[in-house]
PDB file of N, CA and C in Angstrom:
ATOM      1  N   MET A   1      62.015  52.417  62.543  1.00  0.00           N
ATOM      2  CA  MET A   1      63.902  52.781  63.323  1.00  0.00           C
ATOM      3  C   MET A   1      64.159  53.303  62.054  1.00  0.00           C
ATOM      4  N   ARG A   2      63.899  53.750  61.093  1.00  0.00           N
ATOM      5  CA  ARG A   2      65.525  53.594  60.666  1.00  0.00           C
ATOM      6  C   ARG A   2      65.744  55.337  60.567  1.00  0.00           C
ATOM      7  N   GLU A   3      65.274  56.677  61.526  1.00  0.00           N
ATOM      8  CA  GLU A   3      65.793  57.453  62.010  1.00  0.00           C
ATOM      9  C   GLU A   3      66.772  57.136  63.162  1.00  0.00           C
ATOM     10  N   ARG A   4      67.991  58.527  63.100  1.00  0.00           N
ATOM     11  CA  ARG A   4      68.915  58.082  64.236  1.00  0.00           C
ATOM     12  C   ARG A   4      68.016  58.180  65.133  1.00  0.00           C
ATOM     13  N   HIS A   5      68.990  57.789  66.715  1.00  0.00           N
ATOM     14  CA  HIS A   5      69.200  57.597  68.021  1.00  0.00           C
ATOM     15  C   HIS A   5      69.886  57.181  68.470  1.00  0.00           C
ATOM     16  N   THR A   6      70.356  57.709  69.745  1.00  0.00           N
ATOM     17  CA  THR A   6      71.282  58.062  70.726  1.00  0.00           C
ATOM     18  C   THR A   6      70.983  56.962  71.675  1.00  0.00           C
ATOM     19  N   PHE A   7      72.604  55.800  71.576  1.00  0.00           N
ATOM     20  CA  PHE A   7      72.218  54.522  71.994  1.00  0.00           C
ATOM     21  C   PHE A   7      71.557  54.452  73.675  1.00  0.00           C
ATOM     22  N   ARG A   8      71.507  55.868  74.009  1.00  0.00           N
ATOM     23  CA  ARG A   8      70.843  55.726  75.066  1.00  0.00           C
ATOM     24  C   ARG A   8      69.436  56.157  75.359  1.00  0.00           C
ATOM     25  N   GLU A   9      68.542  56.321  74.156  1.00  0.00           N
ATOM     26  CA  GLU A   9      67.507  56.968  74.373  1.00  0.00           C
ATOM     27  C   GLU A   9      66.189  55.696  74.295  1.00  0.00           C
ATOM     28  N   PRO A  10      65.043  56.297  75.401  1.00  0.00           N
ATOM     29  CA  PRO A  10      64.208  54.616  74.674  1.00  0.00           C
ATOM     30  C   PRO A  10      63.222  55.346  73.940  1.00  0.00           C
ATOM     31  N   LEU A  11      63.036  53.841  73.073  1.00  0.00           N
ATOM     32  CA  LEU A  11      62.225  53.037  72.486  1.00  0.00           C
ATOM     33  C   LEU A  11      60.980  53.396  72.653  1.00  0.00           C
ATOM     34  N   GLY A  12      60.718  53.268  74.079  1.00  0.00           N
ATOM     35  CA  GLY A  12      59.303  52.976  74.422  1.00  0.00           C
ATOM     36  C   GLY A  12      59.368  52.924  75.869  1.00  0.00           C
ATOM     37  N   ARG A  13      58.303  53.033  76.434  1.00  0.00           N
ATOM     38  CA  ARG A  13      58.565  52.705  78.326  1.00  0.00           C
ATOM     39  C   ARG A  13      56.668  51.710  78.269  1.00  0.00           C
ATOM     40  N   ASP A  14      57.297  50.973  79.121  1.00  0.00           N
ATOM     41  CA  ASP A  14      56.168  49.882  80.145  1.00  0.00           C
ATOM     42  C   ASP A  14      55.533  50.921  80.780  1.00  0.00           C
ATOM     43  N   LEU A  15      54.496  50.419  81.252  1.00  0.00           N
ATOM     44  CA  LEU A  15      53.488  50.769  82.502  1.00  0.00           C
ATOM     45  C   LEU A  15      54.535  50.727  83.586  1.00  0.00           C
ATOM     46  N   ASN A  16      55.192  49.708  84.406  1.00  0.00           N
ATOM     47  CA  ASN A  16      56.145  50.026  84.651  1.00  0.00           C
ATOM     48  C   ASN A  16      57.246  50.769  85.152  1.00  0.00           C
ATOM     49  N   GLY A  17      57.554  51.378  83.406  1.00  0.00           N
ATOM     50  CA  GLY A  17      58.791  52.753  83.192  1.00  0.00           C
ATOM     51  C   GLY A  17      60.211  51.648  82.484  1.00  0.00           C
ATOM     52  N   LEU A  18      60.290  50.611  82.522  1.00  0.00           N
ATOM     53  CA  LEU A  18      61.058  49.694  81.395  1.00  0.00           C
ATOM     54  C   LEU A  18      61.251  50.062  80.438  1.00  0.00           C
ATOM     55  N   TYR A  19      62.188  50.060  80.119  1.00  0.00           N
ATOM     56  CA  TYR A  19      62.416  49.962  78.523  1.00  0.00           C
ATOM     57  C   TYR A  19      63.310  49.461  78.223  1.00  0.00           C
ATOM     58  N   ILE A  20      63.651  49.482  76.935  1.00  0.00           N
ATOM     59  CA  ILE A  20      65.097  48.931  75.948  1.00  0.00           C
ATOM     60  C   ILE A  20      65.264  50.050  74.820  1.00  0.00           C
ATOM     61  N   THR A  21      66.599  50.291  74.499  1.00  0.00           N
ATOM     62  CA  THR A  21      67.054  51.661  73.266  1.00  0.00           C
ATOM     63  C   THR A  21      66.335  51.089  72.427  1.00  0.00           C
ATOM     64  N   ALA A  22      66.817  52.108  71.411  1.00  0.00           N
ATOM     65  CA  ALA A  22      66.482  52.247  70.441  1.00  0.00           C
ATOM     66  C   ALA A  22      67.682  51.101  69.758  1.00  0.00           C
ATOM     67  N   ALA A  23      68.863  51.383  70.182  1.00  0.00           N
ATOM     68  CA  ALA A  23      69.853  50.935  69.683  1.00  0.00           C
ATOM     69  C   ALA A  23      70.179  49.324  70.106  1.00  0.00           C
ATOM     70  N   GLN A  24      69.245  49.095  71.676  1.00  0.00           N
ATOM     71  CA  GLN A  24      69.382  47.779  71.974  1.00  0.00           C
ATOM     72  C   GLN A  24      68.871  46.982  70.962  1.00  0.00           C
ATOM     73  N   MET A  25      67.042  47.530  71.056  1.00  0.00           N
ATOM     74  CA  MET A  25      66.237  47.229  70.393  1.00  0.00           C
ATOM     75  C   MET A  25      66.565  46.262  68.092  1.00  0.00           C
ATOM     76  N   LYS A  26      67.758  47.334  67.802  1.00  0.00           N
ATOM     77  CA  LYS A  26      68.373  46.689  66.457  1.00  0.00           C
ATOM     78  C   LYS A  26      69.196  46.145  66.853  1.00  0.00           C
ATOM     79  N   PHE A  27      70.203  45.564  68.064  1.00  0.00           N
ATOM     80  CA  PHE A  27      71.513  44.399  67.522  1.00  0.00           C
ATOM     81  C   PHE A  27      70.190  43.786  67.984  1.00  0.00           C
ATOM     82  N   PHE A  28      68.554  43.724  68.315  1.00  0.00           N
ATOM     83  CA  PHE A  28      68.122  42.117  68.429  1.00  0.00           C
ATOM     84  C   PHE A  28      67.592  41.893  67.691  1.00  0.00           C
ATOM     85  N   LEU A  29      67.072  42.494  66.279  1.00  0.00           N
ATOM     86  CA  LEU A  29      66.915  43.284  65.605  1.00  0.00           C
ATOM     87  C   LEU A  29      67.449  42.647  64.246  1.00  0.00           C
ATOM     88  N   ASN A  30      69.096  42.565  64.718  1.00  0.00           N
ATOM     89  CA  ASN A  30      70.011  42.364  63.329  1.00  0.00           C
ATOM     90  C   ASN A  30      70.634  40.959  63.798  1.00  0.00           C
ATOM     91  N   ARG A  31      69.533  40.769  64.909  1.00  0.00           N
ATOM     92  CA  ARG A  31      70.407  39.079  65.481  1.00  0.00           C
ATOM     93  C   ARG A  31      69.063  37.858  63.685  1.00  0.00           C
ATOM     94  N   ARG A  32      69.755  37.045  63.635  1.00  0.00           N
ATOM     95  CA  ARG A  32      69.588  35.547  62.915  1.00  0.00           C
ATOM     96  C   ARG A  32      68.209  35.934  63.392  1.00  0.00           C
ATOM     97  N   HIS A  33      66.877  35.732  62.326  1.00  0.00           N
ATOM     98  CA  HIS A  33      65.563  35.330  63.312  1.00  0.00           C
ATOM     99  C   HIS A  33      64.934  36.143  63.901  1.00  0.00           C
ATOM    100  N   GLY A  34      65.884  37.787  64.374  1.00  0.00           N
ATOM    101  CA  GLY A  34      65.458  38.343  65.130  1.00  0.00           C
ATOM    102  C   GLY A  34      63.969  39.163  65.912  1.00  0.00           C
ATOM    103  N   SER A  35      63.782  39.807  63.760  1.00  0.00           N
ATOM    104  CA  SER A  35      62.522  40.463  64.102  1.00  0.00           C
ATOM    105  C   SER A  35      61.472  39.240  63.648  1.00  0.00           C
ATOM    106  N   GLU A  36      61.938  38.371  63.208  1.00  0.00           N
ATOM    107  CA  GLU A  36      60.441  37.273  63.665  1.00  0.00           C
ATOM    108  C   GLU A  36      60.302  36.893  65.430  1.00  0.00           C
ATOM    109  N   ALA A  37      61.402  37.111  65.796  1.00  0.00           N
ATOM    110  CA  ALA A  37      60.483  36.531  67.388  1.00  0.00           C
ATOM    111  C   ALA A  37      60.736  38.096  68.222  1.00  0.00           C
ATOM    112  N   PHE A  38      61.044  38.880  67.949  1.00  0.00           N
ATOM    113  CA  PHE A  38      59.889  40.082  67.435  1.00  0.00           C
ATOM    114  C   PHE A  38      58.674  40.273  67.853  1.00  0.00           C
ATOM    115  N   LEU A  39      58.260  40.135  66.468  1.00  0.00           N
ATOM    116  CA  LEU A  39      56.810  40.011  66.078  1.00  0.00           C
ATOM    117  C   LEU A  39      55.792  38.602  66.908  1.00  0.00           C
ATOM    118  N   LYS A  40      56.692  37.409  67.271  1.00  0.00           N
ATOM    119  CA  LYS A  40      56.042  36.397  67.407  1.00  0.00           C
ATOM    120  C   LYS A  40      56.079  36.612  68.917  1.00  0.00           C
ATOM    121  N   GLY A  41      56.772  37.683  69.951  1.00  0.00           N
ATOM    122  CA  GLY A  41      56.881  37.895  71.307  1.00  0.00           C
ATOM    123  C   GLY A  41      57.022  36.472  71.997  1.00  0.00           C
ATOM    124  N   THR A  42      58.236  35.780  70.882  1.00  0.00           N
ATOM    125  CA  THR A  42      58.948  34.998  71.676  1.00  0.00           C
ATOM    126  C   THR A  42      59.821  35.152  73.468  1.00  0.00           C
ATOM    127  N   SER A  43      59.614  34.414  73.782  1.00  0.00           N
ATOM    128  CA  SER A  43      60.379  33.599  74.904  1.00  0.00           C
ATOM    129  C   SER A  43      61.792  34.807  75.230  1.00  0.00           C
ATOM    130  N   GLU A  44      62.654  34.411  73.556  1.00  0.00           N
ATOM    131  CA  GLU A  44      64.143  35.235  73.338  1.00  0.00           C
ATOM    132  C   GLU A  44      63.737  36.519  73.540  1.00  0.00           C
ATOM    133  N   PHE A  45      62.746  37.048  72.821  1.00  0.00           N
ATOM    134  CA  PHE A  45      62.845  38.421  72.656  1.00  0.00           C
ATOM    135  C   PHE A  45      62.504  38.736  74.423  1.00  0.00           C
ATOM    136  N   PHE A  46      61.487  38.201  74.979  1.00  0.00           N
ATOM    137  CA  PHE A  46      61.214  39.077  76.359  1.00  0.00           C
ATOM    138  C   PHE A  46      62.645  38.733  77.095  1.00  0.00           C
ATOM    139  N   GLU A  47      62.874  37.548  76.657  1.00  0.00           N
ATOM    140  CA  GLU A  47      64.465  37.544  77.815  1.00  0.00           C
ATOM    141  C   GLU A  47      65.480  38.800  77.681  1.00  0.00           C
ATOM    142  N   TYR A  48      65.185  38.691  76.246  1.00  0.00           N
ATOM    143  CA  TYR A  48      66.439  39.740  75.837  1.00  0.00           C
ATOM    144  C   TYR A  48      66.302  42.014  76.435  1.00  0.00           C
ATOM    145  N   PHE A  49      64.702  41.502  75.777  1.00  0.00           N
ATOM    146  CA  PHE A  49      63.867  42.904  76.481  1.00  0.00           C
ATOM    147  C   PHE A  49      64.322  42.714  78.701  1.00  0.00           C
ATOM    148  N   TYR A  50      63.891  41.643  78.907  1.00  0.00           N
ATOM    149  CA  TYR A  50      64.139  42.259  80.279  1.00  0.00           C
ATOM    150  C   TYR A  50      66.007  42.438  80.730  1.00  0.00           C
ATOM    151  N   LYS A  51      66.564  41.791  80.285  1.00  0.00           N
ATOM    152  CA  LYS A  51      67.913  41.572  80.622  1.00  0.00           C
ATOM    153  C   LYS A  51      68.289  42.900  79.979  1.00  0.00           C
ATOM    154  N   CYS A  52      67.919  43.822  78.882  1.00  0.00           N
ATOM    155  CA  CYS A  52      68.249  45.065  78.657  1.00  0.00           C
ATOM    156  C   CYS A  52      67.680  46.632  80.020  1.00  0.00           C
ATOM    157  N   ALA A  53      66.497  45.495  80.019  1.00  0.00           N
ATOM    158  CA  ALA A  53      65.658  46.790  81.042  1.00  0.00           C
ATOM    159  C   ALA A  53      66.155  47.050  82.462  1.00  0.00           C
ATOM    160  N   VAL A  54      66.736  45.836  83.093  1.00  0.00           N
ATOM    161  CA  VAL A  54      67.600  45.685  84.121  1.00  0.00           C
ATOM    162  C   VAL A  54      68.967  46.240  84.103  1.00  0.00           C
ATOM    163  N   TYR A  55      69.506  46.266  82.599  1.00  0.00           N
ATOM    164  CA  TYR A  55      71.236  46.859  82.739  1.00  0.00           C
ATOM    165  C   TYR A  55      70.527  47.878  82.398  1.00  0.00           C
ATOM    166  N   ASN A  56      69.173  48.412  81.947  1.00  0.00           N
ATOM    167  CA  ASN A  56      69.335  50.570  81.837  1.00  0.00           C
ATOM    168  C   ASN A  56      69.095  50.594  83.452  1.00  0.00           C
ATOM    169  N   ILE A  57      67.757  50.173  84.647  1.00  0.00           N
ATOM    170  CA  ILE A  57      68.118  50.688  85.439  1.00  0.00           C
ATOM    171  C   ILE A  57      69.430  51.095  86.099  1.00  0.00           C
ATOM    172  N   VAL A  58      70.234  49.956  86.310  1.00  0.00           N
ATOM    173  CA  VAL A  58      71.047  50.200  86.588  1.00  0.00           C
ATOM    174  C   VAL A  58      71.807  51.134  86.112  1.00  0.00           C
ATOM    175  N   TRP A  59      72.096  51.355  85.052  1.00  0.00           N
ATOM    176  CA  TRP A  59      73.182  51.876  84.479  1.00  0.00           C
ATOM    177  C   TRP A  59      72.254  53.012  84.763  1.00  0.00           C
ATOM    178  N   ASP A  60      70.890  53.691  84.791  1.00  0.00           N
ATOM    179  CA  ASP A  60      70.209  54.787  85.686  1.00  0.00           C
ATOM    180  C   ASP A  60      70.874  55.542  86.557  1.00  0.00           C
ATOM    181  N   LEU A  61      70.068  54.514  87.528  1.00  0.00           N
ATOM    182  CA  LEU A  61      70.848  54.489  88.771  1.00  0.00           C
ATOM    183  C   LEU A  61      72.886  55.548  89.016  1.00  0.00           C
ATOM    184  N   ALA A  62      73.616  54.299  88.143  1.00  0.00           N
ATOM    185  CA  ALA A  62      74.955  54.692  88.995  1.00  0.00           C
ATOM    186  C   ALA A  62      75.172  55.871  87.909  1.00  0.00           C
ATOM    187  N   GLU A  63      74.738  56.473  86.909  1.00  0.00           N
ATOM    188  CA  GLU A  63      74.317  57.677  86.181  1.00  0.00           C
ATOM    189  C   GLU A  63      74.838  58.145  87.508  1.00  0.00           C
ATOM    190  N   LYS A  64      73.435  58.265  88.168  1.00  0.00           N
ATOM    191  CA  LYS A  64      73.481  59.155  89.388  1.00  0.00           C
ATOM    192  C   LYS A  64      74.132  59.588  90.711  1.00  0.00           C
ATOM    193  N   ASP A  65      74.321  57.385  91.107  1.00  0.00           N
ATOM    194  CA  ASP A  65      75.416  57.892  91.997  1.00  0.00           C
ATOM    195  C   ASP A  65      76.082  56.301  91.669  1.00  0.00           C
ATOM    196  N   PRO A  66      77.756  56.636  90.855  1.00  0.00           N
ATOM    197  CA  PRO A  66      78.931  55.690  90.532  1.00  0.00           C
ATOM    198  C   PRO A  66      78.493  54.515  92.151  1.00  0.00           C
ATOM    199  N   ALA A  67      78.568  55.369  92.769  1.00  0.00           N
ATOM    200  CA  ALA A  67      79.069  53.823  93.910  1.00  0.00           C
ATOM    201  C   ALA A  67      77.696  52.961  94.608  1.00  0.00           C
ATOM    202  N   CYS A  68      76.706  53.140  93.669  1.00  0.00           N
ATOM    203  CA  CYS A  68      75.779  51.784  94.052  1.00  0.00           C
ATOM    204  C   CYS A  68      75.926  50.905  92.745  1.00  0.00           C
ATOM    205  N   ALA A  69      77.436  49.973  92.256  1.00  0.00           N
ATOM    206  CA  ALA A  69      76.771  48.931  91.042  1.00  0.00           C
ATOM    207  C   ALA A  69      78.170  49.071  90.199  1.00  0.00           C
ATOM    208  N   THR A  70      78.537  48.594  89.929  1.00  0.00           N
ATOM    209  CA  THR A  70      79.531  48.014  89.078  1.00  0.00           C
ATOM    210  C   THR A  70      79.930  47.719  87.920  1.00  0.00           C
ATOM    211  N   PHE A  71      79.498  47.727  86.770  1.00  0.00           N
ATOM    212  CA  PHE A  71      80.091  47.189  85.444  1.00  0.00           C
ATOM    213  C   PHE A  71      81.313  46.793  85.398  1.00  0.00           C
ATOM    214  N   PHE A  72      81.008  44.807  84.480  1.00  0.00           N
ATOM    215  CA  PHE A  72      82.553  44.894  84.478  1.00  0.00           C
ATOM    216  C   PHE A  72      82.022  43.671  83.114  1.00  0.00           C
ATOM    217  N   TRP A  73      83.607  43.595  82.166  1.00  0.00           N
ATOM    218  CA  TRP A  73      83.479  42.805  81.772  1.00  0.00           C
ATOM    219  C   TRP A  73      83.826  41.312  82.285  1.00  0.00           C
ATOM    220  N   ASP A  74      82.951  40.460  81.917  1.00  0.00           N
ATOM    221  CA  ASP A  74      82.917  38.874  82.546  1.00  0.00           C
ATOM    222  C   ASP A  74      83.382  37.719  81.429  1.00  0.00           C
ATOM    223  N   VAL A  75      84.795  37.638  81.449  1.00  0.00           N
ATOM    224  CA  VAL A  75      85.774  37.121  80.557  1.00  0.00           C
ATOM    225  C   VAL A  75      84.475  35.560  80.631  1.00  0.00           C
ATOM    226  N   GLU A  76      84.189  34.728  81.631  1.00  0.00           N
ATOM    227  CA  GLU A  76      83.496  33.108  81.550  1.00  0.00           C
ATOM    228  C   GLU A  76      82.113  33.986  80.508  1.00  0.00           C
ATOM    229  N   SER A  77      81.573  34.767  80.993  1.00  0.00           N
ATOM    230  CA  SER A  77      80.552  34.680  79.688  1.00  0.00           C
ATOM    231  C   SER A  77      80.152  35.653  78.559  1.00  0.00           C
ATOM    232  N   ASP A  78      81.256  36.563  78.613  1.00  0.00           N
ATOM    233  CA  ASP A  78      81.517  37.785  77.542  1.00  0.00           C
ATOM    234  C   ASP A  78      81.231  37.923  77.134  1.00  0.00           C
ATOM    235  N   SER A  79      80.063  38.861  78.638  1.00  0.00           N
ATOM    236  CA  SER A  79      79.463  39.998  78.151  1.00  0.00           C
ATOM    237  C   SER A  79      79.685  41.173  79.039  1.00  0.00           C
ATOM    238  N   ILE A  80      78.958  42.442  79.632  1.00  0.00           N
ATOM    239  CA  ILE A  80      79.186  43.129  80.412  1.00  0.00           C
ATOM    240  C   ILE A  80      78.057  42.434  82.032  1.00  0.00           C
ATOM    241  N   GLY A  81      78.928  42.139  82.723  1.00  0.00           N
ATOM    242  CA  GLY A  81      78.098  42.277  84.372  1.00  0.00           C
ATOM    243  C   GLY A  81      78.160  43.346  84.805  1.00  0.00           C
ATOM    244  N   LEU A  82      76.782  42.793  85.992  1.00  0.00           N
ATOM    245  CA  LEU A  82      76.419  44.284  86.334  1.00  0.00           C
ATOM    246  C   LEU A  82      77.328  43.626  88.446  1.00  0.00           C
ATOM    247  N   LYS A  83      77.403  44.250  88.621  1.00  0.00           N
ATOM    248  CA  LYS A  83      77.406  43.886  90.381  1.00  0.00           C
ATOM    249  C   LYS A  83      76.817  45.007  91.140  1.00  0.00           C
ATOM    250  N   PHE A  84      76.060  45.031  92.659  1.00  0.00           N
ATOM    251  CA  PHE A  84      75.235  45.610  93.190  1.00  0.00           C
ATOM    252  C   PHE A  84      74.553  45.088  94.243  1.00  0.00           C
ATOM    253  N   PRO A  85      75.473  45.845  95.751  1.00  0.00           N
ATOM    254  CA  PRO A  85      74.743  45.225  96.762  1.00  0.00           C
ATOM    255  C   PRO A  85      73.347  44.983  97.315  1.00  0.00           C
ATOM    256  N   SER A  86      73.150  43.402  97.595  1.00  0.00           N
ATOM    257  CA  SER A  86      71.484  42.782  97.576  1.00  0.00           C
ATOM    258  C   SER A  86      70.665  43.673  98.610  1.00  0.00           C
ATOM    259  N   ASN A  87      71.040  44.722  99.304  1.00  0.00           N
ATOM    260  CA  ASN A  87      70.141  45.648 100.022  1.00  0.00           C
ATOM    261  C   ASN A  87      69.862  46.738  99.993  1.00  0.00           C
ATOM    262  N   GLY A  88      70.399  47.093  98.126  1.00  0.00           N
ATOM    263  CA  GLY A  88      70.859  48.600  98.411  1.00  0.00           C
ATOM    264  C   GLY A  88      70.095  49.083  96.925  1.00  0.00           C
ATOM    265  N   LYS A  89      70.488  50.263  96.229  1.00  0.00           N
ATOM    266  CA  LYS A  89      69.199  51.389  95.089  1.00  0.00           C
ATOM    267  C   LYS A  89      68.809  50.058  94.411  1.00  0.00           C
ATOM    268  N   VAL A  90      69.617  49.436  93.903  1.00  0.00           N
ATOM    269  CA  VAL A  90      69.213  48.596  92.608  1.00  0.00           C
ATOM    270  C   VAL A  90      68.242  47.831  92.882  1.00  0.00           C
ATOM    271  N   ILE A  91      67.783  46.558  93.826  1.00  0.00           N
ATOM    272  CA  ILE A  91      67.080  46.254  94.186  1.00  0.00           C
ATOM    273  C   ILE A  91      65.955  46.785  94.725  1.00  0.00           C
ATOM    274  N   LYS A  92      66.405  47.401  95.513  1.00  0.00           N
ATOM    275  CA  LYS A  92      64.916  48.518  95.275  1.00  0.00           C
ATOM    276  C   LYS A  92      64.122  49.183  94.467  1.00  0.00           C
ATOM    277  N   GLU A  93      65.145  49.815  93.661  1.00  0.00           N
ATOM    278  CA  GLU A  93      64.491  50.087  92.027  1.00  0.00           C
ATOM    279  C   GLU A  93      63.749  48.684  90.852  1.00  0.00           C
ATOM    280  N   LEU A  94      64.489  47.871  91.309  1.00  0.00           N
ATOM    281  CA  LEU A  94      64.202  46.930  90.325  1.00  0.00           C
ATOM    282  C   LEU A  94      62.667  46.216  91.348  1.00  0.00           C
ATOM    283  N   LYS A  95      62.326  46.473  92.523  1.00  0.00           N
ATOM    284  CA  LYS A  95      61.142  46.066  93.004  1.00  0.00           C
ATOM    285  C   LYS A  95      60.288  46.655  92.594  1.00  0.00           C
ATOM    286  N   LYS A  96      60.585  48.325  92.496  1.00  0.00           N
ATOM    287  CA  LYS A  96      59.546  49.297  92.396  1.00  0.00           C
ATOM    288  C   LYS A  96      58.605  49.538  91.272  1.00  0.00           C
ATOM    289  N   LYS A  97      59.822  48.956  90.103  1.00  0.00           N
ATOM    290  CA  LYS A  97      59.626  48.871  88.646  1.00  0.00           C
ATOM    291  C   LYS A  97      59.041  47.371  88.805  1.00  0.00           C
ATOM    292  N   LYS A  98      58.846  46.610  89.191  1.00  0.00           N
ATOM    293  CA  LYS A  98      58.503  45.498  89.875  1.00  0.00           C
ATOM    294  C   LYS A  98      58.790  44.163  89.071  1.00  0.00           C
ATOM    295  N   VAL A  99      59.998  44.569  88.857  1.00  0.00           N
ATOM    296  CA  VAL A  99      61.013  43.468  87.820  1.00  0.00           C
ATOM    297  C   VAL A  99      60.855  42.068  88.566  1.00  0.00           C
ATOM    298  N   LYS A 100      60.482  40.912  88.379  1.00  0.00           N
ATOM    299  CA  LYS A 100      60.996  39.925  89.103  1.00  0.00           C
ATOM    300  C   LYS A 100      62.046  39.409  89.188  1.00  0.00           C
ATOM    301  N   TYR A 101      63.194  39.876  89.382  1.00  0.00           N
ATOM    302  CA  TYR A 101      64.812  39.644  90.061  1.00  0.00           C
ATOM    303  C   TYR A 101      64.809  38.466  89.681  1.00  0.00           C
ATOM    304  N   PHE A 102      65.540  37.604  89.455  1.00  0.00           N
ATOM    305  CA  PHE A 102      65.693  36.876  88.855  1.00  0.00           C
ATOM    306  C   PHE A 102      66.948  35.871  89.525  1.00  0.00           C
ATOM    307  N   PHE A 103      67.314  36.870  90.070  1.00  0.00           N
ATOM    308  CA  PHE A 103      68.438  36.259  90.992  1.00  0.00           C
ATOM    309  C   PHE A 103      68.796  36.024  92.743  1.00  0.00           C
ATOM    310  N   GLU A 104      66.690  36.706  93.542  1.00  0.00           N
ATOM    311  CA  GLU A 104      66.792  37.048  93.984  1.00  0.00           C
ATOM    312  C   GLU A 104      67.126  35.466  95.640  1.00  0.00           C
ATOM    313  N   ASP A 105      66.888  34.463  94.754  1.00  0.00           N
ATOM    314  CA  ASP A 105      67.128  33.395  95.429  1.00  0.00           C
ATOM    315  C   ASP A 105      68.661  32.915  96.362  1.00  0.00           C
ATOM    316  N   GLU A 106      69.931  34.276  95.870  1.00  0.00           N
ATOM    317  CA  GLU A 106      70.797  33.388  96.422  1.00  0.00           C
ATOM    318  C   GLU A 106      71.381  34.037  97.053  1.00  0.00           C
ATOM    319  N   GLU A 107      71.878  33.457  97.794  1.00  0.00           N
ATOM    320  CA  GLU A 107      72.170  33.772  99.841  1.00  0.00           C
ATOM    321  C   GLU A 107      74.000  35.239  99.530  1.00  0.00           C
ATOM    322  N   ASP A 108      73.811  35.678  98.334  1.00  0.00           N
ATOM    323  CA  ASP A 108      75.634  36.359  98.839  1.00  0.00           C
ATOM    324  C   ASP A 108      74.752  37.035  99.376  1.00  0.00           C
ATOM    325  N   GLU A 109      76.129  38.273  99.657  1.00  0.00           N
ATOM    326  CA  GLU A 109      76.087  39.296  99.951  1.00  0.00           C
ATOM    327  C   GLU A 109      75.422  40.539  98.984  1.00  0.00           C
ATOM    328  N   GLU A 110      75.966  40.097  97.489  1.00  0.00           N
ATOM    329  CA  GLU A 110      76.068  40.784  96.175  1.00  0.00           C
ATOM    330  C   GLU A 110      75.279  40.116  95.307  1.00  0.00           C
ATOM    331  N   ASN A 111      74.624  41.055  94.331  1.00  0.00           N
ATOM    332  CA  ASN A 111      74.252  40.029  92.657  1.00  0.00           C
ATOM    333  C   ASN A 111      74.687  40.429  92.221  1.00  0.00           C
ATOM    334  N   THR A 112      75.050  39.779  91.170  1.00  0.00           N
ATOM    335  CA  THR A 112      75.376  39.601  89.468  1.00  0.00           C
ATOM    336  C   THR A 112      74.573  39.247  88.585  1.00  0.00           C
ATOM    337  N   VAL A 113      75.009  40.623  87.273  1.00  0.00           N
ATOM    338  CA  VAL A 113      73.833  39.433  86.312  1.00  0.00           C
ATOM    339  C   VAL A 113      75.200  39.201  84.895  1.00  0.00           C
TER     340      VAL A 113
END
């Protein structure tokens, strides 16, 4: 990972097409104990991986169809939030890629990550 990568360049894809970018991986590895968590395959790493994978799915879809999702700064969690219809393109793509969507029990019209 010493060579330069663009922010959106996938580091690799799993069998379902999920991916983390080289830049996202670098952010994780720069955490305190990030390299160790990655090498051990901890739940902390996999939680980060799946959050990145969902973000990447939404980003890729929104690039093609900006109306399918909204990105915003969530001041409560001090992070980027994602908002999309519960029966729209994003949910369909998450199901297609076999991402067990961790907010599907919400009964709201829209989901927020």
